[in-house]
PDB file of all heavy atoms in Angstrom:
ATOM      1  N   GLY A   1     121.956  38.427  27.461  1.00  0.00           N
ATOM      2  CA  GLY A   1     121.565  38.730  26.087  1.00  0.00           C
ATOM      3  C   GLY A   1     122.741  38.668  25.148  1.00  0.00           C
ATOM      4  O   GLY A   1     123.847  38.324  25.538  1.00  0.00           O
ATOM      5  N   PRO A   2     122.500  39.010  23.921  1.00  0.00           N
ATOM      6  CA  PRO A   2     123.604  38.998  22.959  1.00  0.00           C
ATOM      7  C   PRO A   2     124.680  40.030  23.275  1.00  0.00           C
ATOM      8  O   PRO A   2     125.819  39.865  22.882  1.00  0.00           O
ATOM      9  CB  PRO A   2     122.942  39.285  21.616  1.00  0.00           C
ATOM     10  CG  PRO A   2     121.563  39.698  21.885  1.00  0.00           C
ATOM     11  CD  PRO A   2     121.239  39.375  23.296  1.00  0.00           C
ATOM     12  N   VAL A   3     124.326  41.105  23.992  1.00  0.00           N
ATOM     13  CA  VAL A   3     125.356  42.075  24.387  1.00  0.00           C
ATOM     14  C   VAL A   3     126.066  41.481  25.595  1.00  0.00           C
ATOM     15  O   VAL A   3     125.611  41.585  26.724  1.00  0.00           O
ATOM     16  CB  VAL A   3     124.745  43.452  24.733  1.00  0.00           C
ATOM     17  CG1 VAL A   3     125.840  44.416  25.175  1.00  0.00           C
ATOM     18  CG2 VAL A   3     123.983  44.012  23.552  1.00  0.00           C
ATOM     19  N   ALA A   4     127.179  40.780  25.330  1.00  0.00           N
ATOM     20  CA  ALA A   4     127.834  39.995  26.374  1.00  0.00           C
ATOM     21  C   ALA A   4     129.263  40.439  26.666  1.00  0.00           C
ATOM     22  O   ALA A   4     129.838  39.998  27.652  1.00  0.00           O
ATOM     23  CB  ALA A   4     127.823  38.525  25.978  1.00  0.00           C
ATOM     24  N   TYR A   5     129.827  41.294  25.825  1.00  0.00           N
ATOM     25  CA  TYR A   5     131.240  41.643  25.958  1.00  0.00           C
ATOM     26  C   TYR A   5     131.463  43.114  25.636  1.00  0.00           C
ATOM     27  O   TYR A   5     130.640  43.770  24.995  1.00  0.00           O
ATOM     28  CB  TYR A   5     132.094  40.808  24.993  1.00  0.00           C
ATOM     29  CG  TYR A   5     132.005  39.329  25.225  1.00  0.00           C
ATOM     30  CD1 TYR A   5     131.068  38.555  24.558  1.00  0.00           C
ATOM     31  CD2 TYR A   5     132.865  38.707  26.123  1.00  0.00           C
ATOM     32  CE1 TYR A   5     130.980  37.192  24.770  1.00  0.00           C
ATOM     33  CE2 TYR A   5     132.792  37.338  26.339  1.00  0.00           C
ATOM     34  CZ  TYR A   5     131.850  36.590  25.668  1.00  0.00           C
ATOM     35  OH  TYR A   5     131.770  35.245  25.891  1.00  0.00           O
ATOM     36  N   LEU A   6     132.622  43.574  26.039  1.00  0.00           N
ATOM     37  CA  LEU A   6     133.171  44.844  25.577  1.00  0.00           C
ATOM     38  C   LEU A   6     134.516  44.519  24.941  1.00  0.00           C
ATOM     39  O   LEU A   6     135.241  43.640  25.419  1.00  0.00           O
ATOM     40  CB  LEU A   6     133.378  45.831  26.732  1.00  0.00           C
ATOM     41  CG  LEU A   6     132.113  46.382  27.388  1.00  0.00           C
ATOM     42  CD1 LEU A   6     132.487  47.276  28.579  1.00  0.00           C
ATOM     43  CD2 LEU A   6     131.271  47.172  26.392  1.00  0.00           C
ATOM     44  N   ALA A   7     134.826  45.217  23.875  1.00  0.00           N
ATOM     45  CA  ALA A   7     136.111  45.016  23.202  1.00  0.00           C
ATOM     46  C   ALA A   7     136.827  46.352  23.112  1.00  0.00           C
ATOM     47  O   ALA A   7     136.196  47.402  22.970  1.00  0.00           O
ATOM     48  CB  ALA A   7     135.897  44.445  21.802  1.00  0.00           C
ATOM     49  N   SER A   8     138.135  46.295  23.206  1.00  0.00           N
ATOM     50  CA  SER A   8     138.937  47.489  23.002  1.00  0.00           C
ATOM     51  C   SER A   8     139.217  47.607  21.511  1.00  0.00           C
ATOM     52  O   SER A   8     139.786  46.696  20.903  1.00  0.00           O
ATOM     53  CB  SER A   8     140.254  47.366  23.783  1.00  0.00           C
ATOM     54  OG  SER A   8     141.070  48.473  23.505  1.00  0.00           O
ATOM     55  N   TRP A   9     138.769  48.731  20.937  1.00  0.00           N
ATOM     56  CA  TRP A   9     138.951  48.932  19.498  1.00  0.00           C
ATOM     57  C   TRP A   9     139.198  50.402  19.228  1.00  0.00           C
ATOM     58  O   TRP A   9     138.389  51.262  19.599  1.00  0.00           O
ATOM     59  CB  TRP A   9     137.712  48.443  18.742  1.00  0.00           C
ATOM     60  CG  TRP A   9     137.846  48.517  17.266  1.00  0.00           C
ATOM     61  CD1 TRP A   9     138.692  47.803  16.469  1.00  0.00           C
ATOM     62  CD2 TRP A   9     137.102  49.353  16.378  1.00  0.00           C
ATOM     63  NE1 TRP A   9     138.522  48.133  15.158  1.00  0.00           N
ATOM     64  CE2 TRP A   9     137.548  49.085  15.069  1.00  0.00           C
ATOM     65  CE3 TRP A   9     136.100  50.300  16.569  1.00  0.00           C
ATOM     66  CZ2 TRP A   9     137.037  49.729  13.953  1.00  0.00           C
ATOM     67  CZ3 TRP A   9     135.592  50.939  15.453  1.00  0.00           C
ATOM     68  CH2 TRP A   9     136.051  50.654  14.163  1.00  0.00           C
ATOM     69  N   ARG A  10     140.337  50.680  18.616  1.00  0.00           N
ATOM     70  CA  ARG A  10     140.726  52.048  18.249  1.00  0.00           C
ATOM     71  C   ARG A  10     140.641  53.011  19.428  1.00  0.00           C
ATOM     72  O   ARG A  10     140.116  54.114  19.323  1.00  0.00           O
ATOM     73  CB  ARG A  10     139.897  52.559  17.074  1.00  0.00           C
ATOM     74  CG  ARG A  10     140.148  51.785  15.812  1.00  0.00           C
ATOM     75  CD  ARG A  10     139.459  52.401  14.628  1.00  0.00           C
ATOM     76  NE  ARG A  10     139.776  51.655  13.427  1.00  0.00           N
ATOM     77  CZ  ARG A  10     139.185  51.834  12.270  1.00  0.00           C
ATOM     78  NH1 ARG A  10     138.234  52.739  12.146  1.00  0.00           N
ATOM     79  NH2 ARG A  10     139.526  51.116  11.241  1.00  0.00           N
ATOM     80  N   GLY A  11     141.096  52.541  20.585  1.00  0.00           N
ATOM     81  CA  GLY A  11     141.189  53.400  21.754  1.00  0.00           C
ATOM     82  C   GLY A  11     139.891  53.628  22.502  1.00  0.00           C
ATOM     83  O   GLY A  11     139.807  54.529  23.331  1.00  0.00           O
ATOM     84  N   ARG A  12     138.869  52.859  22.209  1.00  0.00           N
ATOM     85  CA  ARG A  12     137.611  53.011  22.937  1.00  0.00           C
ATOM     86  C   ARG A  12     136.993  51.648  23.161  1.00  0.00           C
ATOM     87  O   ARG A  12     137.401  50.653  22.574  1.00  0.00           O
ATOM     88  CB  ARG A  12     136.650  53.922  22.194  1.00  0.00           C
ATOM     89  CG  ARG A  12     136.210  53.419  20.856  1.00  0.00           C
ATOM     90  CD  ARG A  12     135.346  54.461  20.139  1.00  0.00           C
ATOM     91  NE  ARG A  12     134.982  54.035  18.818  1.00  0.00           N
ATOM     92  CZ  ARG A  12     133.861  53.392  18.532  1.00  0.00           C
ATOM     93  NH1 ARG A  12     133.004  53.100  19.462  1.00  0.00           N
ATOM     94  NH2 ARG A  12     133.585  53.044  17.300  1.00  0.00           N
ATOM     95  N   LEU A  13     135.975  51.614  24.035  1.00  0.00           N
ATOM     96  CA  LEU A  13     135.266  50.371  24.307  1.00  0.00           C
ATOM     97  C   LEU A  13     134.143  50.203  23.294  1.00  0.00           C
ATOM     98  O   LEU A  13     133.385  51.134  23.019  1.00  0.00           O
ATOM     99  CB  LEU A  13     134.713  50.365  25.728  1.00  0.00           C
ATOM    100  CG  LEU A  13     135.765  50.319  26.833  1.00  0.00           C
ATOM    101  CD1 LEU A  13     135.104  50.372  28.201  1.00  0.00           C
ATOM    102  CD2 LEU A  13     136.635  49.083  26.707  1.00  0.00           C
ATOM    103  N   LEU A  14     134.042  49.004  22.767  1.00  0.00           N
ATOM    104  CA  LEU A  14     133.064  48.701  21.731  1.00  0.00           C
ATOM    105  C   LEU A  14     132.086  47.645  22.265  1.00  0.00           C
ATOM    106  O   LEU A  14     132.500  46.574  22.715  1.00  0.00           O
ATOM    107  CB  LEU A  14     133.792  48.157  20.499  1.00  0.00           C
ATOM    108  CG  LEU A  14     132.979  47.781  19.275  1.00  0.00           C
ATOM    109  CD1 LEU A  14     132.400  49.037  18.635  1.00  0.00           C
ATOM    110  CD2 LEU A  14     133.866  47.059  18.271  1.00  0.00           C
ATOM    111  N   THR A  15     130.806  47.943  22.253  1.00  0.00           N
ATOM    112  CA  THR A  15     129.788  46.961  22.614  1.00  0.00           C
ATOM    113  C   THR A  15     129.941  45.774  21.672  1.00  0.00           C
ATOM    114  O   THR A  15     129.997  45.945  20.458  1.00  0.00           O
ATOM    115  CB  THR A  15     128.372  47.566  22.469  1.00  0.00           C
ATOM    116  OG1 THR A  15     128.275  48.708  23.309  1.00  0.00           O
ATOM    117  CG2 THR A  15     127.306  46.565  22.821  1.00  0.00           C
ATOM    118  N   THR A  16     130.015  44.567  22.249  1.00  0.00           N
ATOM    119  CA  THR A  16     130.271  43.382  21.436  1.00  0.00           C
ATOM    120  C   THR A  16     129.202  42.320  21.676  1.00  0.00           C
ATOM    121  O   THR A  16     128.877  42.001  22.817  1.00  0.00           O
ATOM    122  CB  THR A  16     131.676  42.830  21.744  1.00  0.00           C
ATOM    123  OG1 THR A  16     132.624  43.863  21.455  1.00  0.00           O
ATOM    124  CG2 THR A  16     132.004  41.621  20.901  1.00  0.00           C
ATOM    125  N   LEU A  17     128.686  41.788  20.589  1.00  0.00           N
ATOM    126  CA  LEU A  17     127.591  40.817  20.630  1.00  0.00           C
ATOM    127  C   LEU A  17     128.118  39.407  20.431  1.00  0.00           C
ATOM    128  O   LEU A  17     129.076  39.189  19.693  1.00  0.00           O
ATOM    129  CB  LEU A  17     126.589  41.110  19.507  1.00  0.00           C
ATOM    130  CG  LEU A  17     126.118  42.545  19.354  1.00  0.00           C
ATOM    131  CD1 LEU A  17     125.306  42.689  18.080  1.00  0.00           C
ATOM    132  CD2 LEU A  17     125.306  42.954  20.555  1.00  0.00           C
ATOM    133  N   ASP A  18     127.446  38.460  21.059  1.00  0.00           N
ATOM    134  CA  ASP A  18     127.688  37.047  20.807  1.00  0.00           C
ATOM    135  C   ASP A  18     126.323  36.430  20.509  1.00  0.00           C
ATOM    136  O   ASP A  18     125.517  36.209  21.410  1.00  0.00           O
ATOM    137  CB  ASP A  18     128.346  36.379  22.017  1.00  0.00           C
ATOM    138  CG  ASP A  18     128.792  34.967  21.706  1.00  0.00           C
ATOM    139  OD1 ASP A  18     128.529  34.476  20.582  1.00  0.00           O
ATOM    140  OD2 ASP A  18     129.405  34.336  22.590  1.00  0.00           O
ATOM    141  N   LEU A  19     126.048  36.182  19.235  1.00  0.00           N
ATOM    142  CA  LEU A  19     124.754  35.652  18.821  1.00  0.00           C
ATOM    143  C   LEU A  19     124.628  34.150  19.041  1.00  0.00           C
ATOM    144  O   LEU A  19     123.527  33.603  18.984  1.00  0.00           O
ATOM    145  CB  LEU A  19     124.509  35.952  17.339  1.00  0.00           C
ATOM    146  CG  LEU A  19     124.484  37.414  16.912  1.00  0.00           C
ATOM    147  CD1 LEU A  19     124.204  37.514  15.419  1.00  0.00           C
ATOM    148  CD2 LEU A  19     123.470  38.201  17.713  1.00  0.00           C
ATOM    149  N   ARG A  20     125.733  33.470  19.295  1.00  0.00           N
ATOM    150  CA  ARG A  20     125.707  32.007  19.374  1.00  0.00           C
ATOM    151  C   ARG A  20     124.693  31.488  20.400  1.00  0.00           C
ATOM    152  O   ARG A  20     123.900  30.606  20.063  1.00  0.00           O
ATOM    153  CB  ARG A  20     127.116  31.475  19.617  1.00  0.00           C
ATOM    154  CG  ARG A  20     128.021  31.766  18.410  1.00  0.00           C
ATOM    155  CD  ARG A  20     129.452  31.441  18.666  1.00  0.00           C
ATOM    156  NE  ARG A  20     129.998  32.386  19.646  1.00  0.00           N
ATOM    157  CZ  ARG A  20     131.295  32.551  19.858  1.00  0.00           C
ATOM    158  NH1 ARG A  20     132.168  31.853  19.176  1.00  0.00           N
ATOM    159  NH2 ARG A  20     131.708  33.417  20.747  1.00  0.00           N
ATOM    160  N   PRO A  21     124.656  31.991  21.639  1.00  0.00           N
ATOM    161  CA  PRO A  21     123.652  31.482  22.581  1.00  0.00           C
ATOM    162  C   PRO A  21     122.212  31.719  22.100  1.00  0.00           C
ATOM    163  O   PRO A  21     121.347  30.859  22.256  1.00  0.00           O
ATOM    164  CB  PRO A  21     123.929  32.257  23.871  1.00  0.00           C
ATOM    165  CG  PRO A  21     125.353  32.670  23.766  1.00  0.00           C
ATOM    166  CD  PRO A  21     125.587  32.908  22.302  1.00  0.00           C
ATOM    167  N   ARG A  22     121.937  32.867  21.473  1.00  0.00           N
ATOM    168  CA  ARG A  22     120.583  33.158  20.972  1.00  0.00           C
ATOM    169  C   ARG A  22     120.203  32.248  19.811  1.00  0.00           C
ATOM    170  O   ARG A  22     119.031  31.993  19.569  1.00  0.00           O
ATOM    171  CB  ARG A  22     120.479  34.615  20.479  1.00  0.00           C
ATOM    172  CG  ARG A  22     120.658  35.681  21.511  1.00  0.00           C
ATOM    173  CD  ARG A  22     119.437  36.069  22.305  1.00  0.00           C
ATOM    174  NE  ARG A  22     118.207  36.404  21.657  1.00  0.00           N
ATOM    175  CZ  ARG A  22     117.795  37.630  21.376  1.00  0.00           C
ATOM    176  NH1 ARG A  22     118.567  38.677  21.604  1.00  0.00           N
ATOM    177  NH2 ARG A  22     116.613  37.820  20.847  1.00  0.00           N
ATOM    178  N   LEU A  23     121.231  31.752  19.091  1.00  0.00           N
ATOM    179  CA  LEU A  23     120.975  30.867  17.951  1.00  0.00           C
ATOM    180  C   LEU A  23     121.078  29.397  18.340  1.00  0.00           C
ATOM    181  O   LEU A  23     121.006  28.515  17.484  1.00  0.00           O
ATOM    182  CB  LEU A  23     121.959  31.186  16.812  1.00  0.00           C
ATOM    183  CG  LEU A  23     121.883  32.601  16.247  1.00  0.00           C
ATOM    184  CD1 LEU A  23     122.980  32.836  15.226  1.00  0.00           C
ATOM    185  CD2 LEU A  23     120.508  32.870  15.652  1.00  0.00           C
ATOM    186  N   GLY A  24     121.287  29.127  19.640  1.00  0.00           N
ATOM    187  CA  GLY A  24     121.394  27.748  20.111  1.00  0.00           C
ATOM    188  C   GLY A  24     122.691  27.080  19.724  1.00  0.00           C
ATOM    189  O   GLY A  24     122.750  25.868  19.549  1.00  0.00           O
ATOM    190  N   LEU A  25     123.755  27.863  19.565  1.00  0.00           N
ATOM    191  CA  LEU A  25     125.055  27.331  19.151  1.00  0.00           C
ATOM    192  C   LEU A  25     126.032  27.371  20.320  1.00  0.00           C
ATOM    193  O   LEU A  25     125.955  28.259  21.170  1.00  0.00           O
ATOM    194  CB  LEU A  25     125.624  28.168  17.998  1.00  0.00           C
ATOM    195  CG  LEU A  25     124.773  28.269  16.730  1.00  0.00           C
ATOM    196  CD1 LEU A  25     125.367  29.287  15.781  1.00  0.00           C
ATOM    197  CD2 LEU A  25     124.663  26.909  16.059  1.00  0.00           C
ATOM    198  N   PRO A  26     126.978  26.429  20.352  1.00  0.00           N
ATOM    199  CA  PRO A  26     128.003  26.490  21.395  1.00  0.00           C
ATOM    200  C   PRO A  26     128.889  27.712  21.178  1.00  0.00           C
ATOM    201  O   PRO A  26     129.043  28.198  20.056  1.00  0.00           O
ATOM    202  CB  PRO A  26     128.791  25.193  21.204  1.00  0.00           C
ATOM    203  CG  PRO A  26     128.533  24.777  19.796  1.00  0.00           C
ATOM    204  CD  PRO A  26     127.165  25.309  19.439  1.00  0.00           C
ATOM    205  N   ALA A  27     129.468  28.206  22.261  1.00  0.00           N
ATOM    206  CA  ALA A  27     130.292  29.418  22.184  1.00  0.00           C
ATOM    207  C   ALA A  27     131.748  29.087  22.517  1.00  0.00           C
ATOM    208  O   ALA A  27     132.178  29.240  23.650  1.00  0.00           O
ATOM    209  CB  ALA A  27     129.751  30.480  23.136  1.00  0.00           C
ATOM    210  N   PRO A  28     132.511  28.613  21.519  1.00  0.00           N
ATOM    211  CA  PRO A  28     133.915  28.327  21.792  1.00  0.00           C
ATOM    212  C   PRO A  28     134.680  29.617  22.078  1.00  0.00           C
ATOM    213  O   PRO A  28     134.255  30.704  21.688  1.00  0.00           O
ATOM    214  CB  PRO A  28     134.409  27.674  20.501  1.00  0.00           C
ATOM    215  CG  PRO A  28     133.453  28.086  19.447  1.00  0.00           C
ATOM    216  CD  PRO A  28     132.148  28.369  20.133  1.00  0.00           C
ATOM    217  N   ALA A  29     135.781  29.461  22.808  1.00  0.00           N
ATOM    218  CA  ALA A  29     136.604  30.641  23.113  1.00  0.00           C
ATOM    219  C   ALA A  29     137.109  31.244  21.805  1.00  0.00           C
ATOM    220  O   ALA A  29     137.634  30.548  20.950  1.00  0.00           O
ATOM    221  CB  ALA A  29     137.776  30.234  23.994  1.00  0.00           C
ATOM    222  N   THR A  30     136.908  32.529  21.650  1.00  0.00           N
ATOM    223  CA  THR A  30     137.356  33.222  20.438  1.00  0.00           C
ATOM    224  C   THR A  30     137.643  34.671  20.764  1.00  0.00           C
ATOM    225  O   THR A  30     137.085  35.231  21.711  1.00  0.00           O
ATOM    226  CB  THR A  30     136.299  33.140  19.318  1.00  0.00           C
ATOM    227  OG1 THR A  30     136.811  33.795  18.161  1.00  0.00           O
ATOM    228  CG2 THR A  30     135.009  33.816  19.723  1.00  0.00           C
ATOM    229  N   ARG A  31     138.522  35.265  19.991  1.00  0.00           N
ATOM    230  CA  ARG A  31     138.772  36.700  20.117  1.00  0.00           C
ATOM    231  C   ARG A  31     138.687  37.373  18.757  1.00  0.00           C
ATOM    232  O   ARG A  31     139.177  38.461  18.560  1.00  0.00           O
ATOM    233  CB  ARG A  31     140.142  36.930  20.752  1.00  0.00           C
ATOM    234  CG  ARG A  31     140.194  36.432  22.176  1.00  0.00           C
ATOM    235  CD  ARG A  31     141.439  36.780  22.903  1.00  0.00           C
ATOM    236  NE  ARG A  31     142.578  36.995  22.039  1.00  0.00           N
ATOM    237  CZ  ARG A  31     143.769  37.346  22.483  1.00  0.00           C
ATOM    238  NH1 ARG A  31     143.973  37.530  23.749  1.00  0.00           N
ATOM    239  NH2 ARG A  31     144.767  37.518  21.657  1.00  0.00           N
ATOM    240  N   SER A  32     138.045  36.702  17.810  1.00  0.00           N
ATOM    241  CA  SER A  32     137.831  37.284  16.484  1.00  0.00           C
ATOM    242  C   SER A  32     136.495  38.004  16.476  1.00  0.00           C
ATOM    243  O   SER A  32     135.502  37.479  16.977  1.00  0.00           O
ATOM    244  CB  SER A  32     137.811  36.189  15.416  1.00  0.00           C
ATOM    245  OG  SER A  32     139.069  35.574  15.315  1.00  0.00           O
ATOM    246  N   LEU A  33     136.498  39.184  15.917  1.00  0.00           N
ATOM    247  CA  LEU A  33     135.231  39.893  15.820  1.00  0.00           C
ATOM    248  C   LEU A  33     135.159  40.714  14.554  1.00  0.00           C
ATOM    249  O   LEU A  33     136.164  41.087  13.968  1.00  0.00           O
ATOM    250  CB  LEU A  33     134.948  40.754  17.053  1.00  0.00           C
ATOM    251  CG  LEU A  33     135.820  41.962  17.359  1.00  0.00           C
ATOM    252  CD1 LEU A  33     135.209  43.218  16.771  1.00  0.00           C
ATOM    253  CD2 LEU A  33     135.917  42.122  18.861  1.00  0.00           C
ATOM    254  N   LEU A  34     133.911  40.915  14.142  1.00  0.00           N
ATOM    255  CA  LEU A  34     133.620  41.815  13.029  1.00  0.00           C
ATOM    256  C   LEU A  34     133.103  43.098  13.642  1.00  0.00           C
ATOM    257  O   LEU A  34     132.278  43.059  14.557  1.00  0.00           O
ATOM    258  CB  LEU A  34     132.553  41.224  12.113  1.00  0.00           C
ATOM    259  CG  LEU A  34     132.819  39.852  11.513  1.00  0.00           C
ATOM    260  CD1 LEU A  34     131.621  39.413  10.681  1.00  0.00           C
ATOM    261  CD2 LEU A  34     134.069  39.865  10.668  1.00  0.00           C
ATOM    262  N   VAL A  35     133.574  44.230  13.152  1.00  0.00           N
ATOM    263  CA  VAL A  35     133.046  45.512  13.597  1.00  0.00           C
ATOM    264  C   VAL A  35     132.005  45.920  12.559  1.00  0.00           C
ATOM    265  O   VAL A  35     132.316  46.098  11.380  1.00  0.00           O
ATOM    266  CB  VAL A  35     134.155  46.576  13.735  1.00  0.00           C
ATOM    267  CG1 VAL A  35     133.563  47.900  14.177  1.00  0.00           C
ATOM    268  CG2 VAL A  35     135.227  46.107  14.711  1.00  0.00           C
ATOM    269  N   LEU A  36     130.754  46.007  13.016  1.00  0.00           N
ATOM    270  CA  LEU A  36     129.635  46.336  12.136  1.00  0.00           C
ATOM    271  C   LEU A  36     129.281  47.800  12.302  1.00  0.00           C
ATOM    272  O   LEU A  36     129.173  48.292  13.420  1.00  0.00           O
ATOM    273  CB  LEU A  36     128.416  45.472  12.476  1.00  0.00           C
ATOM    274  CG  LEU A  36     128.645  43.962  12.521  1.00  0.00           C
ATOM    275  CD1 LEU A  36     127.359  43.254  12.914  1.00  0.00           C
ATOM    276  CD2 LEU A  36     129.177  43.437  11.208  1.00  0.00           C
ATOM    277  N   GLY A  37     129.069  48.497  11.198  1.00  0.00           N
ATOM    278  CA  GLY A  37     128.719  49.909  11.242  1.00  0.00           C
ATOM    279  C   GLY A  37     127.225  50.109  11.294  1.00  0.00           C
ATOM    280  O   GLY A  37     126.465  49.374  10.679  1.00  0.00           O
ATOM    281  N   ALA A  38     126.807  51.102  12.047  1.00  0.00           N
ATOM    282  CA  ALA A  38     125.399  51.485  12.132  1.00  0.00           C
ATOM    283  C   ALA A  38     125.340  52.994  12.254  1.00  0.00           C
ATOM    284  O   ALA A  38     126.339  53.632  12.606  1.00  0.00           O
ATOM    285  CB  ALA A  38     124.723  50.833  13.347  1.00  0.00           C
ATOM    286  N   THR A  39     124.187  53.562  11.988  1.00  0.00           N
ATOM    287  CA  THR A  39     124.068  55.020  12.071  1.00  0.00           C
ATOM    288  C   THR A  39     124.309  55.512  13.495  1.00  0.00           C
ATOM    289  O   THR A  39     124.768  56.614  13.704  1.00  0.00           O
ATOM    290  CB  THR A  39     122.674  55.486  11.596  1.00  0.00           C
ATOM    291  OG1 THR A  39     121.679  54.779  12.332  1.00  0.00           O
ATOM    292  CG2 THR A  39     122.500  55.223  10.120  1.00  0.00           C
ATOM    293  N   ALA A  40     124.015  54.671  14.492  1.00  0.00           N
ATOM    294  CA  ALA A  40     124.218  55.062  15.889  1.00  0.00           C
ATOM    295  C   ALA A  40     125.629  54.754  16.378  1.00  0.00           C
ATOM    296  O   ALA A  40     125.944  54.990  17.526  1.00  0.00           O
ATOM    297  CB  ALA A  40     123.194  54.354  16.771  1.00  0.00           C
ATOM    298  N   GLY A  41     126.477  54.206  15.540  1.00  0.00           N
ATOM    299  CA  GLY A  41     127.842  53.848  15.920  1.00  0.00           C
ATOM    300  C   GLY A  41     128.148  52.426  15.495  1.00  0.00           C
ATOM    301  O   GLY A  41     127.390  51.802  14.775  1.00  0.00           O
ATOM    302  N   GLU A  42     129.271  51.911  15.952  1.00  0.00           N
ATOM    303  CA  GLU A  42     129.664  50.560  15.602  1.00  0.00           C
ATOM    304  C   GLU A  42     129.412  49.612  16.760  1.00  0.00           C
ATOM    305  O   GLU A  42     129.407  50.011  17.911  1.00  0.00           O
ATOM    306  CB  GLU A  42     131.162  50.509  15.242  1.00  0.00           C
ATOM    307  CG  GLU A  42     131.527  51.216  13.969  1.00  0.00           C
ATOM    308  CD  GLU A  42     131.948  52.663  14.192  1.00  0.00           C
ATOM    309  OE1 GLU A  42     132.224  53.032  15.347  1.00  0.00           O
ATOM    310  OE2 GLU A  42     131.978  53.403  13.216  1.00  0.00           O
TER     311      GLU A  42
END
């Protein structure tokens, strides 16, 4: 699924999504991410 990675951010593990496969896009190697805020966490 889109929940494909964990990232280290501010001393904790952050659930990390990769939407590219769900959108039919190739997934080049990358380490750039946006941290999105939600009421249940980031």
